[in-house]
Amino acid sequence: MAIRTTLSLAIIVLGSASAFAGARVLDGAPVSLNTAQNWCVAPSGPLPNWDKPAHPECEMVWRVLAERDGRILYSARYAWPSSRRSEVPLRVLTEVLFEGVRGSRVVRRLYAVQDDEAHVRLAPLRVLAIGRTAIIESRVCMSDTGECGRELATWTDERVEAIQDHTVAEIRSQLPKEYEVRLNPEIDLTSLSGSGKAWAKKDADCCPSAAIEFKLRLEGGALHVEELKLQTPPA
């Protein structure tokens, strides 16, 4: 049920077991606040779709995600059972972001992310501040491996724009030739820093022999790595 993404994925593909979220920037079309707050979306696209019936077991949680310069970013998070059967109940999770102003009965649809827990676990969207920039983070983790990734976007008045994440590519380019990364590093956007593991060519997948730390720079709608430090075991 994942949406085909229309923006560049900020989750880097590392081998065959990387985590993906299907995310898209929406067209900003107006929607009744009553509809957005109270009606589940249909399980067929385009999102959000109220022209067809919702799944009979759909549930929705409405929340205020952020407020900025008089504008409110609302989140509607929908869930219905996945068609994939397992011992633990699985859901299709969908989250749609709407922007409005206090007192208005109309909101605008800006952003949506959807995926099936049979493939990845989709965390609730969150908004972080980097200086004056509001960052939307969509974080997903693989159900079987625990590997996590993210998609990032900026929120400004009545629009969302994707952030191109060059983190893994630039880490690889800055590492010595005998080292590589096999899993997405952990990133702290609020401090613009990150850390992770590095594998020497002789290392087994289970046992990386080095660690990395780095600083991040957000510039021109892209996330870049700087000040990469490699920590290797004593000779």
Protein backbone atom coordinates (compact mmCIF):
# COMPACT_ATOMS: atom_id res chain seq x y z
CA MET A 1 0.00 0.00 0.00
CA ALA A 2 3.00 2.32 0.02
CA ILE A 3 2.67 5.49 -2.03
CA ARG A 4 5.01 5.83 -5.00
CA THR A 5 7.29 8.63 -3.85
CA THR A 6 7.37 11.82 -5.92
CA LEU A 7 10.27 13.35 -4.07
CA SER A 8 13.84 12.14 -3.85
CA LEU A 9 14.28 9.65 -1.04
CA ALA A 10 16.36 10.91 1.84
CA ILE A 11 16.81 7.35 3.00
CA ILE A 12 19.97 5.96 1.47
CA VAL A 13 19.90 2.46 -0.02
CA LEU A 14 22.50 0.33 1.74
CA GLY A 15 22.48 -3.11 0.16
CA SER A 16 19.18 -4.94 -0.13
CA ALA A 17 17.71 -4.33 3.32
CA SER A 18 17.19 -0.59 3.54
CA ALA A 19 14.15 1.10 4.99
CA PHE A 20 11.82 3.13 2.79
CA ALA A 21 8.85 5.35 3.44
CA GLY A 22 6.56 6.37 0.61
CA ALA A 23 6.26 10.14 0.91
CA ARG A 24 5.01 12.89 -1.33
CA VAL A 25 4.58 16.63 -1.36
CA LEU A 26 0.90 17.43 -1.93
CA ASP A 27 -0.63 20.18 -4.05
CA GLY A 28 -1.77 22.54 -1.27
CA ALA A 29 -5.44 22.26 -2.29
CA PRO A 30 -7.98 23.50 0.30
CA VAL A 31 -9.83 20.98 2.45
CA SER A 32 -12.66 21.50 4.92
CA LEU A 33 -11.30 21.38 8.48
CA ASN A 34 -14.31 19.25 9.46
CA THR A 35 -13.44 16.68 6.78
CA ALA A 36 -9.76 16.64 7.69
CA GLN A 37 -10.47 16.28 11.42
CA ASN A 38 -13.26 13.72 11.31
CA TRP A 39 -13.13 11.49 8.21
CA CYS A 40 -10.83 8.58 7.50
CA VAL A 41 -9.28 8.48 4.04
CA ALA A 42 -9.94 5.76 1.49
CA PRO A 43 -7.29 3.03 1.16
CA SER A 44 -6.89 3.89 -2.54
CA GLY A 45 -5.11 6.99 -3.83
CA PRO A 46 -4.59 9.76 -4.41
CA LEU A 47 -3.99 10.81 -0.81
CA PRO A 48 -5.96 12.11 0.92
CA ASN A 49 -8.96 10.55 -0.82
CA TRP A 50 -12.47 10.96 0.57
CA ASP A 51 -14.21 10.17 -2.74
CA LYS A 52 -14.30 6.47 -1.90
CA PRO A 53 -15.23 4.68 1.34
CA ALA A 54 -12.65 4.39 4.09
CA HIS A 55 -11.57 0.98 5.37
CA PRO A 56 -14.28 -0.13 7.84
CA GLU A 57 -11.66 -0.56 10.58
CA CYS A 58 -9.84 2.72 9.92
CA GLU A 59 -8.92 4.81 12.96
CA MET A 60 -7.58 8.35 12.92
CA VAL A 61 -5.65 10.48 15.44
CA TRP A 62 -5.64 14.27 14.96
CA ARG A 63 -2.97 16.47 16.55
CA VAL A 64 -1.26 19.82 16.26
CA LEU A 65 2.26 19.11 15.05
CA ALA A 66 3.71 22.64 15.10
CA GLU A 67 2.84 26.35 15.12
CA ARG A 68 4.88 29.00 13.35
CA ASP A 69 4.26 32.66 12.52
CA GLY A 70 0.52 32.33 13.06
CA ARG A 71 0.21 29.14 11.00
CA ILE A 72 -0.63 25.72 12.40
CA LEU A 73 0.63 22.40 11.03
CA TYR A 74 -1.90 19.67 11.72
CA SER A 75 -1.33 15.92 11.49
CA ALA A 76 -3.96 13.29 10.71
CA ARG A 77 -2.57 9.79 11.29
CA TYR A 78 -4.71 6.96 9.92
CA ALA A 79 -4.38 3.23 10.54
CA TRP A 80 -6.18 0.17 9.23
CA PRO A 81 -5.27 -3.55 9.22
CA SER A 82 -2.65 -4.73 6.76
CA SER A 83 -3.58 -7.45 4.28
CA ARG A 84 -0.44 -9.29 5.44
CA ARG A 85 -1.21 -11.78 8.21
CA SER A 86 1.20 -12.37 11.08
CA GLU A 87 1.27 -13.33 14.76
CA VAL A 88 1.44 -9.64 15.64
CA PRO A 89 -1.32 -7.48 14.09
CA LEU A 90 0.08 -5.28 11.32
CA ARG A 91 -1.32 -2.00 10.03
CA VAL A 92 -1.17 0.26 7.04
CA LEU A 93 -0.15 3.63 8.49
CA THR A 94 -0.83 6.90 6.71
CA GLU A 95 -0.07 10.41 7.92
CA VAL A 96 -1.23 13.56 6.16
CA LEU A 97 -0.15 17.08 7.11
CA PHE A 98 -2.46 20.06 6.72
CA GLU A 99 -1.72 23.74 7.28
CA GLY A 100 -4.22 26.26 8.58
CA VAL A 101 -4.62 29.43 10.59
CA ARG A 102 -6.39 29.69 13.92
CA GLY A 103 -10.13 30.22 13.55
CA SER A 104 -10.29 29.16 9.90
CA ARG A 105 -12.52 26.27 8.83
CA VAL A 106 -10.31 25.50 5.84
CA VAL A 107 -6.88 23.85 5.79
CA ARG A 108 -4.47 23.04 2.96
CA ARG A 109 -3.03 19.58 2.32
CA LEU A 110 0.76 19.72 2.18
CA TYR A 111 2.45 16.36 2.73
CA ALA A 112 1.68 12.66 3.13
CA VAL A 113 3.58 9.54 4.07
CA GLN A 114 2.30 5.97 4.03
CA ASP A 115 3.66 2.48 4.50
CA ASP A 116 2.67 -1.00 5.57
CA GLU A 117 4.09 -2.43 8.80
CA ALA A 118 4.64 -5.67 6.90
CA HIS A 119 7.56 -3.81 5.28
CA VAL A 120 8.64 -0.98 7.59
CA ARG A 121 7.58 0.60 10.86
CA LEU A 122 6.60 4.22 10.31
CA ALA A 123 7.13 6.52 13.30
CA PRO A 124 4.82 9.53 13.78
CA LEU A 125 6.04 12.57 11.86
CA ARG A 126 7.73 15.25 13.90
CA VAL A 127 8.91 18.82 13.33
CA LEU A 128 12.33 20.01 14.46
CA ALA A 129 13.80 23.51 14.37
CA ILE A 130 17.24 24.19 12.93
CA GLY A 131 17.65 27.90 13.47
CA ARG A 132 14.68 29.48 11.69
CA THR A 133 14.12 26.40 9.52
CA ALA A 134 11.30 23.98 10.39
CA ILE A 135 12.21 20.41 9.42
CA ILE A 136 9.68 17.60 8.97
CA GLU A 137 11.21 14.21 9.76
CA SER A 138 9.67 10.92 8.65
CA ARG A 139 11.50 8.03 10.30
CA VAL A 140 11.07 4.37 9.36
CA CYS A 141 12.72 1.15 10.56
CA MET A 142 12.87 -2.24 8.89
CA SER A 143 10.72 -4.78 10.69
CA ASP A 144 13.24 -7.62 10.41
CA THR A 145 16.67 -5.94 10.70
CA GLY A 146 15.97 -2.86 12.79
CA GLU A 147 17.81 -0.66 10.31
CA CYS A 148 16.33 2.84 10.27
CA GLY A 149 16.24 5.70 7.81
CA ARG A 150 14.47 8.99 7.31
CA GLU A 151 13.00 11.38 4.80
CA LEU A 152 13.34 15.10 5.45
CA ALA A 153 11.50 18.18 4.22
CA THR A 154 11.23 21.85 5.12
CA TRP A 155 7.95 23.55 6.06
CA THR A 156 7.35 27.19 5.17
CA ASP A 157 4.15 29.15 4.54
CA GLU A 158 1.76 26.91 2.58
CA ARG A 159 4.47 24.66 1.18
CA VAL A 160 6.71 21.70 1.93
CA GLU A 161 9.93 21.04 0.04
CA ALA A 162 12.09 17.91 0.11
CA ILE A 163 15.59 17.99 1.59
CA GLN A 164 18.23 16.05 -0.31
CA ASP A 165 20.19 13.96 2.21
CA HIS A 166 23.79 13.40 1.03
CA THR A 167 24.91 11.97 4.39
CA VAL A 168 25.88 8.42 3.42
CA ALA A 169 27.34 9.32 0.02
CA GLU A 170 29.57 11.97 1.56
CA ILE A 171 30.63 9.72 4.45
CA ARG A 172 31.70 7.12 1.92
CA SER A 173 33.65 9.67 -0.08
CA GLN A 174 35.49 10.92 3.04
CA LEU A 175 36.36 7.52 4.55
CA PRO A 176 39.73 5.88 3.82
CA LYS A 177 39.46 3.38 0.96
CA GLU A 178 39.74 0.39 3.28
CA TYR A 179 36.54 1.35 5.18
CA GLU A 180 32.87 1.45 4.24
CA VAL A 181 29.45 2.01 5.82
CA ARG A 182 26.80 -0.72 5.67
CA LEU A 183 24.06 0.78 7.84
CA ASN A 184 22.53 4.24 7.99
CA PRO A 185 24.21 6.34 10.70
CA GLU A 186 22.27 7.92 13.53
CA ILE A 187 21.62 11.64 13.05
CA ASP A 188 20.69 14.29 15.62
CA LEU A 189 19.19 17.09 13.58
CA THR A 190 18.85 19.51 16.48
CA SER A 191 22.61 19.47 17.08
CA LEU A 192 23.48 18.86 13.40
CA SER A 193 25.67 15.91 14.31
CA GLY A 194 25.75 12.18 13.79
CA SER A 195 27.53 8.92 14.56
CA GLY A 196 27.71 5.40 13.25
CA LYS A 197 29.89 2.40 12.47
CA ALA A 198 32.46 1.73 9.77
CA TRP A 199 33.54 -1.64 8.44
CA ALA A 200 37.02 -2.58 7.32
CA LYS A 201 37.09 -4.91 4.33
CA LYS A 202 37.88 -7.88 6.60
CA ASP A 203 35.04 -7.15 9.06
CA ALA A 204 32.01 -9.41 9.25
CA ASP A 205 28.60 -7.74 8.96
CA CYS A 206 28.02 -8.31 12.66
CA CYS A 207 31.22 -6.73 13.86
CA PRO A 208 32.34 -3.34 12.55
CA SER A 209 35.81 -2.45 13.83
CA ALA A 210 35.57 1.36 13.66
CA ALA A 211 33.24 4.18 14.61
CA ILE A 212 32.51 7.50 12.95
CA GLU A 213 31.38 10.89 14.22
CA PHE A 214 30.55 13.86 12.05
CA LYS A 215 28.96 17.29 11.84
CA LEU A 216 26.16 18.21 9.45
CA ARG A 217 25.43 21.32 7.41
CA LEU A 218 22.02 22.24 6.01
CA GLU A 219 22.48 24.39 2.95
CA GLY A 220 20.44 25.06 -0.17
CA GLY A 221 17.84 22.40 0.61
CA ALA A 222 20.47 19.70 1.13
CA LEU A 223 22.09 17.99 4.12
CA HIS A 224 25.89 17.67 3.93
CA VAL A 225 28.60 16.02 6.05
CA GLU A 226 31.61 17.87 7.40
CA GLU A 227 34.28 17.21 10.04
CA LEU A 228 34.13 13.42 9.71
CA LYS A 229 36.19 11.60 12.34
CA LEU A 230 37.09 7.91 12.10
CA GLN A 231 37.90 6.07 15.32
CA THR A 232 39.79 2.83 14.74
CA PRO A 233 40.99 0.20 17.25
CA PRO A 234 44.57 0.41 18.49
CA ALA A 235 47.09 -1.32 16.24
